[in-house]
Protein backbone atom coordinates (compact mmCIF):
# COMPACT_ATOMS: atom_id res chain seq x y z
CA UNK A 1 -10.82 13.58 6.66
CA UNK A 2 -12.19 15.52 9.78
CA UNK A 3 -15.92 15.20 10.54
CA UNK A 4 -18.08 17.46 12.39
CA UNK A 5 -21.42 17.58 13.76
CA UNK A 6 -24.04 19.78 11.98
CA UNK A 7 -27.48 20.62 12.37
CA UNK A 8 -29.78 20.46 9.49
CA UNK A 9 -33.55 20.51 8.70
CA UNK A 10 -34.77 17.89 6.58
CA UNK A 11 -38.28 16.43 5.18
CA UNK A 12 -39.49 13.50 7.47
CA UNK A 13 -39.96 11.39 3.90
CA UNK A 14 -36.43 12.04 2.84
CA UNK A 15 -35.21 10.84 5.99
CA UNK A 16 -37.45 7.69 5.83
CA UNK A 17 -36.20 6.86 2.54
CA UNK A 18 -32.55 7.46 3.76
CA UNK A 19 -33.05 5.14 6.65
CA UNK A 20 -34.55 2.17 4.59
CA UNK A 21 -31.84 2.77 1.97
CA UNK A 22 -28.92 2.74 4.80
CA UNK A 23 -30.47 -0.56 6.42
CA UNK A 24 -30.32 -2.39 3.05
CA UNK A 25 -26.46 -1.00 2.78
CA UNK A 26 -25.57 -2.09 6.21
CA UNK A 27 -24.84 1.57 6.62
CA UNK A 28 -25.70 4.47 9.04
CA UNK A 29 -28.14 7.50 8.24
CA UNK A 30 -24.83 9.57 8.67
CA UNK A 31 -22.59 7.67 6.37
CA UNK A 32 -24.93 7.24 3.77
CA UNK A 33 -26.18 11.05 3.77
CA UNK A 34 -22.30 12.12 3.73
CA UNK A 35 -21.75 9.72 0.90
CA UNK A 36 -24.56 11.09 -1.15
CA UNK A 37 -23.57 14.35 -0.60
CA UNK A 38 -19.69 14.02 -1.58
CA UNK A 39 -20.76 12.31 -4.63
CA UNK A 40 -23.15 15.09 -5.86
CA UNK A 41 -20.03 17.67 -5.20
CA UNK A 42 -17.31 15.57 -6.41
CA UNK A 43 -15.43 15.38 -3.11
CA UNK A 44 -14.02 11.88 -2.16
CA UNK A 45 -14.95 10.18 1.32
CA UNK A 46 -12.94 8.46 3.41
CA UNK A 47 -14.67 5.42 2.03
CA UNK A 48 -14.53 6.09 -1.71
CA UNK A 49 -11.03 7.10 -0.87
CA UNK A 50 -10.12 3.82 0.56
CA UNK A 51 -12.02 1.66 -2.24
CA UNK A 52 -10.19 3.84 -5.35
CA UNK A 53 -6.97 3.03 -3.88
CA UNK A 54 -7.71 -0.91 -3.05
CA UNK A 55 -9.33 -1.42 -6.46
CA UNK A 56 -6.74 0.25 -8.68
CA UNK A 57 -4.05 -1.87 -6.75
CA UNK A 58 -5.69 -4.85 -7.25
CA UNK A 59 -6.41 -3.97 -11.21
CA UNK A 60 -2.96 -3.02 -11.62
CA UNK A 61 -1.15 -6.17 -9.61
CA UNK A 62 -3.50 -8.74 -11.76
CA UNK A 63 -2.04 -7.54 -14.81
CA UNK A 64 1.79 -6.93 -13.85
CA UNK A 65 2.52 -9.07 -10.69
CA UNK A 66 2.97 -12.57 -9.74
CA UNK A 67 1.71 -11.43 -6.38
CA UNK A 68 -1.43 -12.82 -4.47
CA UNK A 69 -3.66 -10.06 -3.76
CA UNK A 70 -6.13 -10.67 -0.87
CA UNK A 71 -8.94 -7.89 -0.45
CA UNK A 72 -9.87 -7.99 3.21
CA UNK A 73 -13.76 -6.66 2.46
CA UNK A 74 -14.61 -3.36 4.08
CA UNK A 75 -11.29 -3.24 6.11
CA UNK A 76 -8.59 -0.56 5.65
CA UNK A 77 -5.94 -3.44 4.79
CA UNK A 78 -4.99 -5.30 1.62
CA UNK A 79 -2.55 -7.99 1.66
CA UNK A 80 -0.38 -9.64 -0.95
CA UNK A 81 1.87 -12.94 -0.83
CA UNK A 82 4.98 -13.69 -2.65
CA UNK A 83 7.19 -16.71 -2.76
CA UNK A 84 11.16 -16.90 -3.14
CA UNK A 85 13.65 -19.69 -5.43
CA UNK A 86 15.31 -19.96 -2.21
CA UNK A 87 15.81 -23.12 0.23
CA UNK A 88 12.58 -23.91 2.20
CA UNK A 89 10.69 -21.53 -0.43
CA UNK A 90 10.17 -18.82 2.14
CA UNK A 91 6.85 -16.76 1.76
CA UNK A 92 7.06 -12.88 2.08
CA UNK A 93 3.69 -10.82 3.19
CA UNK A 94 3.22 -7.39 2.13
CA UNK A 95 0.29 -5.55 4.39
CA UNK A 96 -0.99 -1.91 2.88
CA UNK A 97 -3.06 0.09 5.55
CA UNK A 98 -4.56 3.23 4.15
CA UNK A 99 -5.37 5.85 6.80
CA UNK A 100 -8.66 7.45 7.13
CA UNK A 101 -7.05 10.59 8.71
CA UNK A 102 -4.00 12.00 9.60
CA UNK A 103 -0.73 13.45 8.04
CA UNK A 104 0.27 10.29 6.00
CA UNK A 105 -1.50 8.50 3.29
CA UNK A 106 -1.16 5.12 4.97
CA UNK A 107 1.80 2.51 5.04
CA UNK A 108 3.33 -0.68 3.80
CA UNK A 109 4.49 -3.60 6.02
CA UNK A 110 6.77 -6.19 4.57
CA UNK A 111 7.88 -9.36 6.85
CA UNK A 112 8.68 -13.26 6.08
CA UNK A 113 7.17 -16.27 7.39
CA UNK A 114 10.11 -17.90 8.88
CA UNK A 115 12.07 -17.83 11.79
CA UNK A 116 15.42 -18.79 10.44
CA UNK A 117 18.11 -16.37 11.09
CA UNK A 118 19.99 -16.55 8.03
CA UNK A 119 16.80 -16.17 5.96
CA UNK A 120 16.00 -12.91 8.13
CA UNK A 121 19.53 -11.79 7.91
CA UNK A 122 19.71 -12.02 4.07
CA UNK A 123 16.05 -10.23 4.48
CA UNK A 124 17.40 -7.41 6.45
CA UNK A 125 20.60 -6.73 4.37
CA UNK A 126 17.99 -6.49 1.26
CA UNK A 127 15.93 -3.86 3.13
CA UNK A 128 19.25 -1.99 3.67
CA UNK A 129 20.08 -1.62 0.60
CA UNK A 130 16.52 -0.57 -0.88
CA UNK A 131 16.45 2.07 1.70
CA UNK A 132 19.53 3.32 0.89
CA UNK A 133 18.78 3.32 -3.08
CA UNK A 134 15.46 5.29 -2.07
CA UNK A 135 17.35 7.61 -0.09
CA UNK A 136 19.95 8.12 -2.59
CA UNK A 137 17.91 8.15 -5.81
CA UNK A 138 14.63 9.20 -4.85
CA UNK A 139 15.07 11.50 -2.00
CA UNK A 140 13.11 9.57 0.68
CA UNK A 141 13.53 10.81 3.99
CA UNK A 142 14.89 8.20 6.68
CA UNK A 143 12.09 8.79 9.08
CA UNK A 144 9.50 7.17 6.50
CA UNK A 145 11.22 3.62 6.88
CA UNK A 146 11.62 1.10 9.73
CA UNK A 147 13.70 -2.43 9.38
CA UNK A 148 15.20 -4.62 11.32
CA UNK A 149 14.41 -8.23 12.60
CA UNK A 150 13.29 -9.42 9.11
CA UNK A 151 10.70 -6.65 8.66
CA UNK A 152 10.33 -3.23 7.13
CA UNK A 153 8.02 -0.63 7.22
CA UNK A 154 7.81 2.22 4.79
CA UNK A 155 5.17 5.28 5.33
CA UNK A 156 3.47 6.74 2.16
CA UNK A 157 3.05 10.55 2.19
CA UNK A 158 0.04 12.61 1.17
CA UNK A 159 0.64 14.58 -2.16
CA UNK A 160 -0.96 16.78 -4.56
CA UNK A 161 -3.09 14.17 -5.85
CA UNK A 162 -6.75 14.35 -6.27
CA UNK A 163 -7.23 10.91 -8.11
CA UNK A 164 -6.57 8.06 -5.39
CA UNK A 165 -6.88 5.66 -8.42
CA UNK A 166 -3.47 7.09 -9.36
CA UNK A 167 -2.23 6.44 -5.78
CA UNK A 168 -3.49 3.02 -6.01
CA UNK A 169 -1.38 2.55 -9.01
CA UNK A 170 1.49 4.56 -7.66
CA UNK A 171 1.42 1.89 -4.69
CA UNK A 172 1.27 -1.07 -6.42
CA UNK A 173 3.83 -0.30 -8.80
CA UNK A 174 6.27 0.55 -6.18
CA UNK A 175 5.45 -2.80 -4.37
CA UNK A 176 5.78 -4.47 -7.90
CA UNK A 177 9.44 -3.18 -8.20
CA UNK A 178 10.10 -3.87 -4.69
CA UNK A 179 9.01 -7.54 -5.05
CA UNK A 180 11.06 -7.83 -8.28
CA UNK A 181 14.08 -6.51 -6.76
CA UNK A 182 13.60 -8.85 -3.66
CA UNK A 183 13.19 -11.87 -5.53
CA UNK A 184 16.34 -11.46 -8.04
CA UNK A 185 18.45 -10.41 -4.48
CA UNK A 186 17.78 -13.90 -3.25
CA UNK A 187 18.49 -15.56 -6.36
CA UNK A 188 21.98 -13.93 -6.67
CA UNK A 189 23.03 -14.13 -2.92
CA UNK A 190 24.01 -17.55 -2.64
CA UNK A 191 26.33 -17.25 -5.77
CA UNK A 192 27.69 -13.46 -4.85
CA UNK A 193 26.27 -10.97 -2.00
CA UNK A 194 28.10 -7.99 -4.15
CA UNK A 195 26.58 -9.19 -7.50
CA UNK A 196 23.18 -9.39 -5.81
CA UNK A 197 23.43 -5.85 -5.04
CA UNK A 198 24.87 -4.50 -7.87
CA UNK A 199 21.79 -6.23 -9.71
CA UNK A 200 19.43 -4.83 -7.36
CA UNK A 201 20.62 -1.37 -7.94
CA UNK A 202 20.64 -1.61 -11.41
CA UNK A 203 17.32 -2.71 -11.69
CA UNK A 204 15.95 -0.19 -9.16
CA UNK A 205 17.10 2.67 -11.22
CA UNK A 206 16.25 1.38 -14.71
CA UNK A 207 12.61 1.24 -13.23
CA UNK A 208 11.83 3.71 -10.76
CA UNK A 209 9.42 6.06 -11.41
CA UNK A 210 9.06 9.60 -10.74
CA UNK A 211 5.98 9.01 -8.03
CA UNK A 212 8.12 6.90 -6.13
CA UNK A 213 10.20 10.34 -4.85
CA UNK A 214 6.44 11.46 -4.01
CA UNK A 215 5.14 8.23 -1.95
């Protein structure tokens, strides 16, 4: 959201009370006034947007996923961790950042806590497969994705949705499916890489949603 400087005339008594409340909430006079006005006219602020997205993500994942969620206070980040049933029991980190302004809602970064070249190569193979499925079945543009060296970054687009709780649920659902496919891929890879590819494709097709093509 863009911001501009405005000159308005307010009663001194109102400003004194605003300053007291702002100090109690550890925020500035401008932020508090902006939030109060936004609530009155039902317009979401960057602060409420972040809160709505992360709260709904947390609620969805706690009810549908084995991912361990870590909300980072007032930060614009939320981290999740997942463990794979594979040798060395590698840990995968999912980080979601929501942008307060710009042409995109935010981005997801996925990485593995390992320096093992074989593991990172398998992870790259999975991300390439996942990206190919998104492009083929959801119409995702290649420029939304970056992958390599055991890392995956996916930018989330803005679309016509006034409910940021829905945004959060959609992102959480996307990550939940990604993690489910990643676990299955590693479970099957040692037995047969081709079977792993086929299984992931089937899981993806059976579980993809209409909102995935909008993210």
